[in-house]
Amino acid sequence: MVGVVVECADRPRFDGRLHAVDSVLDEAPAISPELIEVLREAADDVLCPIGVALAAALPSGSAPVVARGFELTPRGRAAHASGAAPGVAGR
């Protein structure tokens, strides 16, 4: 999971489940503390989760992209090579 740390505190202000930070991608903040406060207020005003507001404020292309794909197993490669899987070649 990739997220944005918006606050470091001894005690959480959030009653839900929190995740530990495994690693930090960028040492420099992507969003200034002042903008985070504006986003918190805006999220409260329009009744949206802070995460939605943060995602909208992040620079374009900064969200992680999931690349989905597939790979044939050794048995699948053998079936393809032998012609046992007709119609697969063009996909």
C-alpha atoms as a PDB file:
ATOM      1  CA  MET A   1       0.000   0.000   0.000  1.00  0.00           C
ATOM      2  CA  VAL A   2       1.251   3.456  -0.842  1.00  0.00           C
ATOM      3  CA  GLY A   3      -0.019   6.408   1.127  1.00  0.00           C
ATOM      4  CA  VAL A   4       0.691   9.898   2.346  1.00  0.00           C
ATOM      5  CA  VAL A   5       1.798  10.557   5.916  1.00  0.00           C
ATOM      6  CA  VAL A   6      -0.081  13.649   7.014  1.00  0.00           C
ATOM      7  CA  GLU A   7       0.909  13.755  10.667  1.00  0.00           C
ATOM      8  CA  CYS A   8       3.293  12.179  13.158  1.00  0.00           C
ATOM      9  CA  ALA A   9       1.948  12.001  16.702  1.00  0.00           C
ATOM     10  CA  ASP A  10       2.291   9.997  19.886  1.00  0.00           C
ATOM     11  CA  ARG A  11      -1.413   9.123  19.813  1.00  0.00           C
ATOM     12  CA  PRO A  12      -3.626   8.785  16.741  1.00  0.00           C
ATOM     13  CA  ARG A  13      -6.636  11.062  16.247  1.00  0.00           C
ATOM     14  CA  PHE A  14      -8.155   8.303  14.123  1.00  0.00           C
ATOM     15  CA  ASP A  15     -10.261   5.528  15.650  1.00  0.00           C
ATOM     16  CA  GLY A  16      -9.894   3.164  12.693  1.00  0.00           C
ATOM     17  CA  ARG A  17      -7.109   0.821  11.707  1.00  0.00           C
ATOM     18  CA  LEU A  18      -3.711   2.390  10.975  1.00  0.00           C
ATOM     19  CA  HIS A  19      -0.816   0.830   9.075  1.00  0.00           C
ATOM     20  CA  ALA A  20       2.848   1.062   9.997  1.00  0.00           C
ATOM     21  CA  VAL A  21       5.162   2.864   7.576  1.00  0.00           C
ATOM     22  CA  ASP A  22       7.405   0.226   5.967  1.00  0.00           C
ATOM     23  CA  SER A  23       9.500   2.568   3.869  1.00  0.00           C
ATOM     24  CA  VAL A  24       9.584   6.173   2.722  1.00  0.00           C
ATOM     25  CA  LEU A  25       9.571   6.834  -1.016  1.00  0.00           C
ATOM     26  CA  ASP A  26      10.326  10.561  -0.875  1.00  0.00           C
ATOM     27  CA  GLU A  27      11.981  12.413   1.995  1.00  0.00           C
ATOM     28  CA  ALA A  28      10.702  15.776   0.766  1.00  0.00           C
ATOM     29  CA  PRO A  29       6.961  16.290   1.285  1.00  0.00           C
ATOM     30  CA  ALA A  30       4.879  16.071  -1.878  1.00  0.00           C
ATOM     31  CA  ILE A  31       2.253  18.297  -0.235  1.00  0.00           C
ATOM     32  CA  SER A  32       3.056  21.166   2.122  1.00  0.00           C
ATOM     33  CA  PRO A  33       1.648  21.138   5.673  1.00  0.00           C
ATOM     34  CA  GLU A  34      -0.350  24.256   4.791  1.00  0.00           C
ATOM     35  CA  LEU A  35      -1.953  22.564   1.795  1.00  0.00           C
ATOM     36  CA  ILE A  36      -2.723  19.471   3.888  1.00  0.00           C
ATOM     37  CA  GLU A  37      -4.635  21.699   6.316  1.00  0.00           C
ATOM     38  CA  VAL A  38      -6.558  23.300   3.449  1.00  0.00           C
ATOM     39  CA  LEU A  39      -7.355  19.836   2.076  1.00  0.00           C
ATOM     40  CA  ARG A  40      -8.567  18.652   5.503  1.00  0.00           C
ATOM     41  CA  GLU A  41     -10.935  21.613   5.729  1.00  0.00           C
ATOM     42  CA  ALA A  42     -12.140  21.166   2.148  1.00  0.00           C
ATOM     43  CA  ALA A  43     -12.738  17.444   2.723  1.00  0.00           C
ATOM     44  CA  ASP A  44     -14.771  18.273   5.828  1.00  0.00           C
ATOM     45  CA  ASP A  45     -16.762  20.908   3.927  1.00  0.00           C
ATOM     46  CA  VAL A  46     -17.753  18.569   1.102  1.00  0.00           C
ATOM     47  CA  LEU A  47     -17.948  15.413   3.232  1.00  0.00           C
ATOM     48  CA  CYS A  48     -15.284  13.479   1.335  1.00  0.00           C
ATOM     49  CA  PRO A  49     -12.509  11.334   2.799  1.00  0.00           C
ATOM     50  CA  ILE A  50      -9.184  13.119   3.256  1.00  0.00           C
ATOM     51  CA  GLY A  51      -7.554  10.445   1.075  1.00  0.00           C
ATOM     52  CA  VAL A  52      -9.658  11.506  -1.912  1.00  0.00           C
ATOM     53  CA  ALA A  53      -8.655  15.141  -1.405  1.00  0.00           C
ATOM     54  CA  LEU A  54      -4.977  14.175  -1.035  1.00  0.00           C
ATOM     55  CA  ALA A  55      -5.069  12.052  -4.187  1.00  0.00           C
ATOM     56  CA  ALA A  56      -6.523  14.972  -6.134  1.00  0.00           C
ATOM     57  CA  ALA A  57      -3.767  17.286  -4.856  1.00  0.00           C
ATOM     58  CA  LEU A  58      -0.815  15.039  -5.693  1.00  0.00           C
ATOM     59  CA  PRO A  59       1.187  15.853  -8.821  1.00  0.00           C
ATOM     60  CA  SER A  60      -0.017  14.153 -11.978  1.00  0.00           C
ATOM     61  CA  GLY A  61       1.537  10.729 -12.478  1.00  0.00           C
ATOM     62  CA  SER A  62       2.614  10.345  -8.861  1.00  0.00           C
ATOM     63  CA  ALA A  63       0.060   7.693  -7.986  1.00  0.00           C
ATOM     64  CA  PRO A  64       1.364   4.133  -8.155  1.00  0.00           C
ATOM     65  CA  VAL A  65       0.354   2.176 -11.229  1.00  0.00           C
ATOM     66  CA  VAL A  66      -0.487  -1.491 -11.062  1.00  0.00           C
ATOM     67  CA  ALA A  67       0.688  -3.383 -14.111  1.00  0.00           C
ATOM     68  CA  ARG A  68      -1.452  -6.423 -14.656  1.00  0.00           C
ATOM     69  CA  GLY A  69      -0.337  -9.226 -16.874  1.00  0.00           C
ATOM     70  CA  PHE A  70       0.065 -12.927 -17.164  1.00  0.00           C
ATOM     71  CA  GLU A  71       2.716 -15.461 -17.938  1.00  0.00           C
ATOM     72  CA  LEU A  72       2.377 -18.987 -19.220  1.00  0.00           C
ATOM     73  CA  THR A  73       3.499 -21.782 -16.974  1.00  0.00           C
ATOM     74  CA  PRO A  74       6.005 -24.296 -18.359  1.00  0.00           C
ATOM     75  CA  ARG A  75       3.077 -26.610 -19.111  1.00  0.00           C
ATOM     76  CA  GLY A  76       1.237 -23.783 -20.876  1.00  0.00           C
ATOM     77  CA  ARG A  77       4.324 -22.929 -22.968  1.00  0.00           C
ATOM     78  CA  ALA A  78       4.624 -26.579 -23.976  1.00  0.00           C
ATOM     79  CA  ALA A  79       0.938 -26.722 -24.945  1.00  0.00           C
ATOM     80  CA  HIS A  80       1.298 -23.537 -26.977  1.00  0.00           C
ATOM     81  CA  ALA A  81       4.426 -24.797 -28.738  1.00  0.00           C
ATOM     82  CA  SER A  82       2.774 -28.093 -29.607  1.00  0.00           C
ATOM     83  CA  GLY A  83      -0.302 -26.417 -31.044  1.00  0.00           C
ATOM     84  CA  ALA A  84      -2.546 -27.948 -28.346  1.00  0.00           C
ATOM     85  CA  ALA A  85      -3.933 -24.500 -27.534  1.00  0.00           C
ATOM     86  CA  PRO A  86      -5.418 -23.327 -30.829  1.00  0.00           C
ATOM     87  CA  GLY A  87      -6.286 -19.661 -31.177  1.00  0.00           C
ATOM     88  CA  VAL A  88      -3.842 -18.504 -28.511  1.00  0.00           C
ATOM     89  CA  ALA A  89      -1.077 -17.397 -30.887  1.00  0.00           C
ATOM     90  CA  GLY A  90      -2.748 -14.148 -31.922  1.00  0.00           C
ATOM     91  CA  ARG A  91      -3.444 -12.918 -28.387  1.00  0.00           C
END
